[in-house]
Amino acid sequence: MALGAQPADVMLIVMREVLLLVTGGLVFGVAGAIAITRLVSTLLFGLTPTDPLTILMAVSLMVGVAAFAAYLPARKASRVDPMIALRYE
């Protein structure tokens, strides 16, 4: 913001970074979960190991929680006065 960024730009940058990390984690997590389905198939009652609805719901929940967890610091970062932030540095 000290260099001319708008509060919405700061918020977008923070949210993009967090959601990029979450997306990478979800890709590796879902791939790993599908890879080990044979090991856990005996523990799943009433579900197939690659049930798309369950995977979609888990992914949606993770993205929702991560977006909410990223929104709070992003909102705070977008409201900080640049001069006060630079003084602390």
PDB file of N, CA and C in Angstrom:
ATOM      1  N   MET A   1       0.819  -1.180   0.000  1.00  0.00           N
ATOM      2  CA  MET A   1       0.000   0.000   0.000  1.00  0.00           C
ATOM      3  C   MET A   1       0.864   1.246   0.000  1.00  0.00           C
ATOM      4  N   ALA A   2       2.085   1.127   0.555  1.00  0.00           N
ATOM      5  CA  ALA A   2       2.982   2.276   0.561  1.00  0.00           C
ATOM      6  C   ALA A   2       3.434   2.619  -0.857  1.00  0.00           C
ATOM      7  N   LEU A   3       3.372   1.648  -1.758  1.00  0.00           N
ATOM      8  CA  LEU A   3       3.788   1.885  -3.139  1.00  0.00           C
ATOM      9  C   LEU A   3       2.602   2.108  -4.071  1.00  0.00           C
ATOM     10  N   GLY A   4       1.406   2.280  -3.524  1.00  0.00           N
ATOM     11  CA  GLY A   4       0.260   2.619  -4.344  1.00  0.00           C
ATOM     12  C   GLY A   4      -0.779   1.533  -4.521  1.00  0.00           C
ATOM     13  N   ALA A   5      -0.629   0.408  -3.859  1.00  0.00           N
ATOM     14  CA  ALA A   5      -1.633  -0.645  -3.983  1.00  0.00           C
ATOM     15  C   ALA A   5      -2.902  -0.250  -3.237  1.00  0.00           C
ATOM     16  N   GLN A   6      -4.007  -0.637  -3.784  1.00  0.00           N
ATOM     17  CA  GLN A   6      -5.294  -0.390  -3.146  1.00  0.00           C
ATOM     18  C   GLN A   6      -5.564  -1.494  -2.125  1.00  0.00           C
ATOM     19  N   PRO A   7      -6.409  -1.248  -1.129  1.00  0.00           N
ATOM     20  CA  PRO A   7      -6.729  -2.294  -0.145  1.00  0.00           C
ATOM     21  C   PRO A   7      -7.265  -3.575  -0.791  1.00  0.00           C
ATOM     22  N   ALA A   8      -8.048  -3.458  -1.830  1.00  0.00           N
ATOM     23  CA  ALA A   8      -8.562  -4.645  -2.516  1.00  0.00           C
ATOM     24  C   ALA A   8      -7.431  -5.440  -3.164  1.00  0.00           C
ATOM     25  N   ASP A   9      -6.404  -4.745  -3.658  1.00  0.00           N
ATOM     26  CA  ASP A   9      -5.256  -5.431  -4.260  1.00  0.00           C
ATOM     27  C   ASP A   9      -4.484  -6.225  -3.221  1.00  0.00           C
ATOM     28  N   VAL A  10      -4.296  -5.639  -2.045  1.00  0.00           N
ATOM     29  CA  VAL A  10      -3.582  -6.328  -0.963  1.00  0.00           C
ATOM     30  C   VAL A  10      -4.355  -7.572  -0.548  1.00  0.00           C
ATOM     31  N   MET A  11      -5.658  -7.423  -0.425  1.00  0.00           N
ATOM     32  CA  MET A  11      -6.497  -8.555  -0.043  1.00  0.00           C
ATOM     33  C   MET A  11      -6.430  -9.663  -1.096  1.00  0.00           C
ATOM     34  N   LEU A  12      -6.457  -9.288  -2.356  1.00  0.00           N
ATOM     35  CA  LEU A  12      -6.386 -10.256  -3.442  1.00  0.00           C
ATOM     36  C   LEU A  12      -5.052 -10.998  -3.443  1.00  0.00           C
ATOM     37  N   ILE A  13      -3.972 -10.303  -3.183  1.00  0.00           N
ATOM     38  CA  ILE A  13      -2.650 -10.931  -3.158  1.00  0.00           C
ATOM     39  C   ILE A  13      -2.557 -11.965  -2.043  1.00  0.00           C
ATOM     40  N   VAL A  14      -3.015 -11.595  -0.859  1.00  0.00           N
ATOM     41  CA  VAL A  14      -2.950 -12.527   0.277  1.00  0.00           C
ATOM     42  C   VAL A  14      -3.840 -13.739   0.024  1.00  0.00           C
ATOM     43  N   MET A  15      -5.055 -13.506  -0.437  1.00  0.00           N
ATOM     44  CA  MET A  15      -5.973 -14.621  -0.697  1.00  0.00           C
ATOM     45  C   MET A  15      -5.435 -15.534  -1.806  1.00  0.00           C
ATOM     46  N   ARG A  16      -4.851 -14.946  -2.840  1.00  0.00           N
ATOM     47  CA  ARG A  16      -4.307 -15.755  -3.940  1.00  0.00           C
ATOM     48  C   ARG A  16      -3.172 -16.654  -3.453  1.00  0.00           C
ATOM     49  N   GLU A  17      -2.283 -16.116  -2.626  1.00  0.00           N
ATOM     50  CA  GLU A  17      -1.171 -16.918  -2.121  1.00  0.00           C
ATOM     51  C   GLU A  17      -1.664 -18.084  -1.273  1.00  0.00           C
ATOM     52  N   VAL A  18      -2.606 -17.814  -0.397  1.00  0.00           N
ATOM     53  CA  VAL A  18      -3.113 -18.875   0.473  1.00  0.00           C
ATOM     54  C   VAL A  18      -3.845 -19.936  -0.335  1.00  0.00           C
ATOM     55  N   LEU A  19      -4.712 -19.516  -1.234  1.00  0.00           N
ATOM     56  CA  LEU A  19      -5.472 -20.489  -2.004  1.00  0.00           C
ATOM     57  C   LEU A  19      -4.595 -21.263  -2.988  1.00  0.00           C
ATOM     58  N   LEU A  20      -3.490 -20.681  -3.424  1.00  0.00           N
ATOM     59  CA  LEU A  20      -2.545 -21.419  -4.261  1.00  0.00           C
ATOM     60  C   LEU A  20      -1.891 -22.546  -3.463  1.00  0.00           C
ATOM     61  N   LEU A  21      -1.513 -22.250  -2.236  1.00  0.00           N
ATOM     62  CA  LEU A  21      -0.943 -23.289  -1.370  1.00  0.00           C
ATOM     63  C   LEU A  21      -1.964 -24.381  -1.053  1.00  0.00           C
ATOM     64  N   VAL A  22      -3.185 -23.975  -0.795  1.00  0.00           N
ATOM     65  CA  VAL A  22      -4.230 -24.952  -0.497  1.00  0.00           C
ATOM     66  C   VAL A  22      -4.508 -25.829  -1.710  1.00  0.00           C
ATOM     67  N   THR A  23      -4.537 -25.236  -2.885  1.00  0.00           N
ATOM     68  CA  THR A  23      -4.778 -26.012  -4.100  1.00  0.00           C
ATOM     69  C   THR A  23      -3.680 -27.048  -4.314  1.00  0.00           C
ATOM     70  N   GLY A  24      -2.439 -26.652  -4.115  1.00  0.00           N
ATOM     71  CA  GLY A  24      -1.340 -27.615  -4.236  1.00  0.00           C
ATOM     72  C   GLY A  24      -1.461 -28.742  -3.230  1.00  0.00           C
ATOM     73  N   GLY A  25      -1.804 -28.403  -2.009  1.00  0.00           N
ATOM     74  CA  GLY A  25      -1.986 -29.431  -0.977  1.00  0.00           C
ATOM     75  C   GLY A  25      -3.142 -30.358  -1.288  1.00  0.00           C
ATOM     76  N   LEU A  26      -4.209 -29.801  -1.809  1.00  0.00           N
ATOM     77  CA  LEU A  26      -5.356 -30.641  -2.151  1.00  0.00           C
ATOM     78  C   LEU A  26      -5.058 -31.572  -3.315  1.00  0.00           C
ATOM     79  N   VAL A  27      -4.316 -31.092  -4.289  1.00  0.00           N
ATOM     80  CA  VAL A  27      -3.967 -31.951  -5.425  1.00  0.00           C
ATOM     81  C   VAL A  27      -3.140 -33.143  -4.952  1.00  0.00           C
ATOM     82  N   PHE A  28      -2.118 -32.879  -4.151  1.00  0.00           N
ATOM     83  CA  PHE A  28      -1.292 -33.979  -3.635  1.00  0.00           C
ATOM     84  C   PHE A  28      -2.071 -34.842  -2.653  1.00  0.00           C
ATOM     85  N   GLY A  29      -2.922 -34.237  -1.854  1.00  0.00           N
ATOM     86  CA  GLY A  29      -3.710 -34.992  -0.878  1.00  0.00           C
ATOM     87  C   GLY A  29      -4.717 -35.921  -1.522  1.00  0.00           C
ATOM     88  N   VAL A  30      -5.441 -35.418  -2.515  1.00  0.00           N
ATOM     89  CA  VAL A  30      -6.423 -36.254  -3.204  1.00  0.00           C
ATOM     90  C   VAL A  30      -5.718 -37.356  -3.987  1.00  0.00           C
ATOM     91  N   ALA A  31      -4.618 -37.015  -4.631  1.00  0.00           N
ATOM     92  CA  ALA A  31      -3.857 -38.042  -5.362  1.00  0.00           C
ATOM     93  C   ALA A  31      -3.340 -39.116  -4.409  1.00  0.00           C
ATOM     94  N   GLY A  32      -2.850 -38.692  -3.251  1.00  0.00           N
ATOM     95  CA  GLY A  32      -2.379 -39.661  -2.262  1.00  0.00           C
ATOM     96  C   GLY A  32      -3.511 -40.495  -1.703  1.00  0.00           C
ATOM     97  N   ALA A  33      -4.662 -39.872  -1.473  1.00  0.00           N
ATOM     98  CA  ALA A  33      -5.803 -40.617  -0.953  1.00  0.00           C
ATOM     99  C   ALA A  33      -6.289 -41.656  -1.950  1.00  0.00           C
ATOM    100  N   ILE A  34      -6.315 -41.290  -3.210  1.00  0.00           N
ATOM    101  CA  ILE A  34      -6.741 -42.252  -4.232  1.00  0.00           C
ATOM    102  C   ILE A  34      -5.707 -43.361  -4.384  1.00  0.00           C
ATOM    103  N   ALA A  35      -4.428 -43.022  -4.202  1.00  0.00           N
ATOM    104  CA  ALA A  35      -3.365 -44.028  -4.339  1.00  0.00           C
ATOM    105  C   ALA A  35      -3.417 -45.086  -3.235  1.00  0.00           C
ATOM    106  N   ILE A  36      -3.857 -44.717  -2.053  1.00  0.00           N
ATOM    107  CA  ILE A  36      -3.860 -45.691  -0.946  1.00  0.00           C
ATOM    108  C   ILE A  36      -5.245 -46.268  -0.664  1.00  0.00           C
ATOM    109  N   THR A  37      -6.117 -46.238  -1.649  1.00  0.00           N
ATOM    110  CA  THR A  37      -7.480 -46.726  -1.438  1.00  0.00           C
ATOM    111  C   THR A  37      -7.533 -48.210  -1.092  1.00  0.00           C
ATOM    112  N   ARG A  38      -6.623 -48.981  -1.594  1.00  0.00           N
ATOM    113  CA  ARG A  38      -6.633 -50.419  -1.278  1.00  0.00           C
ATOM    114  C   ARG A  38      -6.326 -50.681   0.196  1.00  0.00           C
ATOM    115  N   LEU A  39      -5.507 -49.834   0.791  1.00  0.00           N
ATOM    116  CA  LEU A  39      -5.166 -50.033   2.201  1.00  0.00           C
ATOM    117  C   LEU A  39      -6.329 -49.682   3.132  1.00  0.00           C
ATOM    118  N   VAL A  40      -7.099 -48.682   2.767  1.00  0.00           N
ATOM    119  CA  VAL A  40      -8.166 -48.231   3.654  1.00  0.00           C
ATOM    120  C   VAL A  40      -9.548 -48.723   3.242  1.00  0.00           C
ATOM    121  N   SER A  41      -9.640 -49.489   2.170  1.00  0.00           N
ATOM    122  CA  SER A  41     -10.955 -49.923   1.693  1.00  0.00           C
ATOM    123  C   SER A  41     -11.668 -50.800   2.712  1.00  0.00           C
ATOM    124  N   THR A  42     -10.946 -51.510   3.570  1.00  0.00           N
ATOM    125  CA  THR A  42     -11.585 -52.341   4.582  1.00  0.00           C
ATOM    126  C   THR A  42     -12.154 -51.507   5.735  1.00  0.00           C
ATOM    127  N   LEU A  43     -11.703 -50.262   5.874  1.00  0.00           N
ATOM    128  CA  LEU A  43     -12.184 -49.406   6.952  1.00  0.00           C
ATOM    129  C   LEU A  43     -13.390 -48.565   6.561  1.00  0.00           C
ATOM    130  N   LEU A  44     -13.727 -48.537   5.292  1.00  0.00           N
ATOM    131  CA  LEU A  44     -14.830 -47.713   4.806  1.00  0.00           C
ATOM    132  C   LEU A  44     -16.111 -48.548   4.758  1.00  0.00           C
ATOM    133  N   PHE A  45     -17.092 -48.139   5.526  1.00  0.00           N
ATOM    134  CA  PHE A  45     -18.356 -48.864   5.560  1.00  0.00           C
ATOM    135  C   PHE A  45     -19.416 -48.064   4.811  1.00  0.00           C
ATOM    136  N   GLY A  46     -19.942 -48.637   3.746  1.00  0.00           N
ATOM    137  CA  GLY A  46     -20.975 -47.981   2.968  1.00  0.00           C
ATOM    138  C   GLY A  46     -20.456 -46.997   1.934  1.00  0.00           C
ATOM    139  N   LEU A  47     -19.151 -46.926   1.737  1.00  0.00           N
ATOM    140  CA  LEU A  47     -18.562 -46.034   0.744  1.00  0.00           C
ATOM    141  C   LEU A  47     -17.616 -46.808  -0.146  1.00  0.00           C
ATOM    142  N   THR A  48     -17.548 -46.388  -1.374  1.00  0.00           N
ATOM    143  CA  THR A  48     -16.498 -46.927  -2.233  1.00  0.00           C
ATOM    144  C   THR A  48     -15.237 -46.105  -1.965  1.00  0.00           C
ATOM    145  N   PRO A  49     -14.064 -46.664  -2.158  1.00  0.00           N
ATOM    146  CA  PRO A  49     -12.837 -45.931  -1.839  1.00  0.00           C
ATOM    147  C   PRO A  49     -12.658 -44.633  -2.608  1.00  0.00           C
ATOM    148  N   THR A  50     -13.203 -44.540  -3.796  1.00  0.00           N
ATOM    149  CA  THR A  50     -13.063 -43.310  -4.584  1.00  0.00           C
ATOM    150  C   THR A  50     -14.425 -42.658  -4.806  1.00  0.00           C
ATOM    151  N   ASP A  51     -15.215 -42.558  -3.759  1.00  0.00           N
ATOM    152  CA  ASP A  51     -16.545 -41.950  -3.843  1.00  0.00           C
ATOM    153  C   ASP A  51     -16.397 -40.475  -4.205  1.00  0.00           C
ATOM    154  N   PRO A  52     -16.847 -40.067  -5.396  1.00  0.00           N
ATOM    155  CA  PRO A  52     -16.629 -38.679  -5.835  1.00  0.00           C
ATOM    156  C   PRO A  52     -17.346 -37.649  -4.966  1.00  0.00           C
ATOM    157  N   LEU A  53     -18.520 -37.972  -4.467  1.00  0.00           N
ATOM    158  CA  LEU A  53     -19.252 -37.023  -3.633  1.00  0.00           C
ATOM    159  C   LEU A  53     -18.508 -36.744  -2.332  1.00  0.00           C
ATOM    160  N   THR A  54     -17.962 -37.777  -1.720  1.00  0.00           N
ATOM    161  CA  THR A  54     -17.210 -37.611  -0.479  1.00  0.00           C
ATOM    162  C   THR A  54     -15.944 -36.799  -0.705  1.00  0.00           C
ATOM    163  N   ILE A  55     -15.239 -37.091  -1.779  1.00  0.00           N
ATOM    164  CA  ILE A  55     -14.016 -36.348  -2.092  1.00  0.00           C
ATOM    165  C   ILE A  55     -14.346 -34.891  -2.389  1.00  0.00           C
ATOM    166  N   LEU A  56     -15.423 -34.649  -3.146  1.00  0.00           N
ATOM    167  CA  LEU A  56     -15.828 -33.283  -3.469  1.00  0.00           C
ATOM    168  C   LEU A  56     -16.221 -32.506  -2.213  1.00  0.00           C
ATOM    169  N   MET A  57     -16.933 -33.153  -1.307  1.00  0.00           N
ATOM    170  CA  MET A  57     -17.329 -32.481  -0.071  1.00  0.00           C
ATOM    171  C   MET A  57     -16.121 -32.163   0.803  1.00  0.00           C
ATOM    172  N   ALA A  58     -15.170 -33.094   0.884  1.00  0.00           N
ATOM    173  CA  ALA A  58     -13.969 -32.853   1.680  1.00  0.00           C
ATOM    174  C   ALA A  58     -13.141 -31.717   1.090  1.00  0.00           C
ATOM    175  N   VAL A  59     -13.002 -31.700  -0.225  1.00  0.00           N
ATOM    176  CA  VAL A  59     -12.251 -30.632  -0.893  1.00  0.00           C
ATOM    177  C   VAL A  59     -12.952 -29.286  -0.696  1.00  0.00           C
ATOM    178  N   SER A  60     -14.262 -29.273  -0.830  1.00  0.00           N
ATOM    179  CA  SER A  60     -15.021 -28.032  -0.643  1.00  0.00           C
ATOM    180  C   SER A  60     -14.886 -27.509   0.786  1.00  0.00           C
ATOM    181  N   LEU A  61     -14.943 -28.394   1.745  1.00  0.00           N
ATOM    182  CA  LEU A  61     -14.781 -27.994   3.141  1.00  0.00           C
ATOM    183  C   LEU A  61     -13.393 -27.413   3.396  1.00  0.00           C
ATOM    184  N   MET A  62     -12.373 -28.052   2.847  1.00  0.00           N
ATOM    185  CA  MET A  62     -11.008 -27.554   3.026  1.00  0.00           C
ATOM    186  C   MET A  62     -10.826 -26.178   2.389  1.00  0.00           C
ATOM    187  N   VAL A  63     -11.347 -25.989   1.188  1.00  0.00           N
ATOM    188  CA  VAL A  63     -11.218 -24.694   0.513  1.00  0.00           C
ATOM    189  C   VAL A  63     -11.987 -23.621   1.278  1.00  0.00           C
ATOM    190  N   GLY A  64     -13.158 -23.962   1.776  1.00  0.00           N
ATOM    191  CA  GLY A  64     -13.946 -23.000   2.544  1.00  0.00           C
ATOM    192  C   GLY A  64     -13.265 -22.574   3.826  1.00  0.00           C
ATOM    193  N   VAL A  65     -12.727 -23.530   4.560  1.00  0.00           N
ATOM    194  CA  VAL A  65     -12.028 -23.219   5.811  1.00  0.00           C
ATOM    195  C   VAL A  65     -10.767 -22.409   5.529  1.00  0.00           C
ATOM    196  N   ALA A  66     -10.028 -22.788   4.502  1.00  0.00           N
ATOM    197  CA  ALA A  66      -8.801 -22.057   4.161  1.00  0.00           C
ATOM    198  C   ALA A  66      -9.116 -20.636   3.701  1.00  0.00           C
ATOM    199  N   ALA A  67     -10.192 -20.461   2.937  1.00  0.00           N
ATOM    200  CA  ALA A  67     -10.563 -19.128   2.475  1.00  0.00           C
ATOM    201  C   ALA A  67     -10.961 -18.245   3.651  1.00  0.00           C
ATOM    202  N   PHE A  68     -11.699 -18.802   4.600  1.00  0.00           N
ATOM    203  CA  PHE A  68     -12.076 -18.028   5.780  1.00  0.00           C
ATOM    204  C   PHE A  68     -10.853 -17.704   6.631  1.00  0.00           C
ATOM    205  N   ALA A  69      -9.953 -18.679   6.778  1.00  0.00           N
ATOM    206  CA  ALA A  69      -8.735 -18.456   7.568  1.00  0.00           C
ATOM    207  C   ALA A  69      -7.816 -17.441   6.895  1.00  0.00           C
ATOM    208  N   ALA A  70      -7.852 -17.344   5.584  1.00  0.00           N
ATOM    209  CA  ALA A  70      -7.026 -16.369   4.879  1.00  0.00           C
ATOM    210  C   ALA A  70      -7.677 -14.998   4.838  1.00  0.00           C
ATOM    211  N   TYR A  71      -8.999 -14.960   4.887  1.00  0.00           N
ATOM    212  CA  TYR A  71      -9.715 -13.693   4.787  1.00  0.00           C
ATOM    213  C   TYR A  71      -9.422 -12.780   5.975  1.00  0.00           C
ATOM    214  N   LEU A  72      -9.370 -13.339   7.164  1.00  0.00           N
ATOM    215  CA  LEU A  72      -9.165 -12.508   8.351  1.00  0.00           C
ATOM    216  C   LEU A  72      -7.825 -11.768   8.332  1.00  0.00           C
ATOM    217  N   PRO A  73      -6.695 -12.441   8.097  1.00  0.00           N
ATOM    218  CA  PRO A  73      -5.433 -11.696   8.007  1.00  0.00           C
ATOM    219  C   PRO A  73      -5.365 -10.786   6.782  1.00  0.00           C
ATOM    220  N   ALA A  74      -6.004 -11.185   5.691  1.00  0.00           N
ATOM    221  CA  ALA A  74      -6.002 -10.348   4.487  1.00  0.00           C
ATOM    222  C   ALA A  74      -6.758  -9.051   4.749  1.00  0.00           C
ATOM    223  N   ARG A  75      -7.867  -9.145   5.445  1.00  0.00           N
ATOM    224  CA  ARG A  75      -8.638  -7.944   5.775  1.00  0.00           C
ATOM    225  C   ARG A  75      -7.837  -7.035   6.694  1.00  0.00           C
ATOM    226  N   LYS A  76      -7.146  -7.638   7.659  1.00  0.00           N
ATOM    227  CA  LYS A  76      -6.333  -6.841   8.580  1.00  0.00           C
ATOM    228  C   LYS A  76      -5.171  -6.178   7.833  1.00  0.00           C
ATOM    229  N   ALA A  77      -4.542  -6.906   6.919  1.00  0.00           N
ATOM    230  CA  ALA A  77      -3.425  -6.350   6.154  1.00  0.00           C
ATOM    231  C   ALA A  77      -3.881  -5.223   5.244  1.00  0.00           C
ATOM    232  N   SER A  78      -5.098  -5.299   4.744  1.00  0.00           N
ATOM    233  CA  SER A  78      -5.578  -4.253   3.846  1.00  0.00           C
ATOM    234  C   SER A  78      -5.983  -2.985   4.593  1.00  0.00           C
ATOM    235  N   ARG A  79      -6.135  -3.071   5.897  1.00  0.00           N
ATOM    236  CA  ARG A  79      -6.540  -1.903   6.682  1.00  0.00           C
ATOM    237  C   ARG A  79      -5.395  -1.233   7.424  1.00  0.00           C
ATOM    238  N   VAL A  80      -4.200  -1.785   7.331  1.00  0.00           N
ATOM    239  CA  VAL A  80      -3.057  -1.224   8.037  1.00  0.00           C
ATOM    240  C   VAL A  80      -2.588   0.049   7.348  1.00  0.00           C
ATOM    241  N   ASP A  81      -2.295   1.057   8.132  1.00  0.00           N
ATOM    242  CA  ASP A  81      -1.745   2.295   7.595  1.00  0.00           C
ATOM    243  C   ASP A  81      -0.297   2.035   7.183  1.00  0.00           C
ATOM    244  N   PRO A  82       0.084   2.338   5.949  1.00  0.00           N
ATOM    245  CA  PRO A  82       1.446   2.036   5.487  1.00  0.00           C
ATOM    246  C   PRO A  82       2.541   2.689   6.331  1.00  0.00           C
ATOM    247  N   MET A  83       2.331   3.882   6.796  1.00  0.00           N
ATOM    248  CA  MET A  83       3.365   4.558   7.587  1.00  0.00           C
ATOM    249  C   MET A  83       3.578   3.859   8.921  1.00  0.00           C
ATOM    250  N   ILE A  84       2.522   3.389   9.544  1.00  0.00           N
ATOM    251  CA  ILE A  84       2.666   2.679  10.817  1.00  0.00           C
ATOM    252  C   ILE A  84       3.385   1.362  10.584  1.00  0.00           C
ATOM    253  N   ALA A  85       3.046   0.649   9.505  1.00  0.00           N
ATOM    254  CA  ALA A  85       3.707  -0.608   9.203  1.00  0.00           C
ATOM    255  C   ALA A  85       5.183  -0.419   8.895  1.00  0.00           C
ATOM    256  N   LEU A  86       5.537   0.657   8.177  1.00  0.00           N
ATOM    257  CA  LEU A  86       6.930   0.911   7.849  1.00  0.00           C
ATOM    258  C   LEU A  86       7.733   1.340   9.079  1.00  0.00           C
ATOM    259  N   ARG A  87       7.117   1.983  10.028  1.00  0.00           N
ATOM    260  CA  ARG A  87       7.819   2.368  11.251  1.00  0.00           C
ATOM    261  C   ARG A  87       8.239   1.168  12.071  1.00  0.00           C
ATOM    262  N   TYR A  88       7.409   0.119  12.064  1.00  0.00           N
ATOM    263  CA  TYR A  88       7.728  -1.089  12.821  1.00  0.00           C
ATOM    264  C   TYR A  88       8.834  -1.888  12.162  1.00  0.00           C
ATOM    265  N   GLU A  89       9.067  -1.696  10.879  1.00  0.00           N
ATOM    266  CA  GLU A  89      10.122  -2.394  10.170  1.00  0.00           C
ATOM    267  C   GLU A  89      11.415  -1.728  10.503  1.00  0.00           C
TER     268      GLU A  89
END
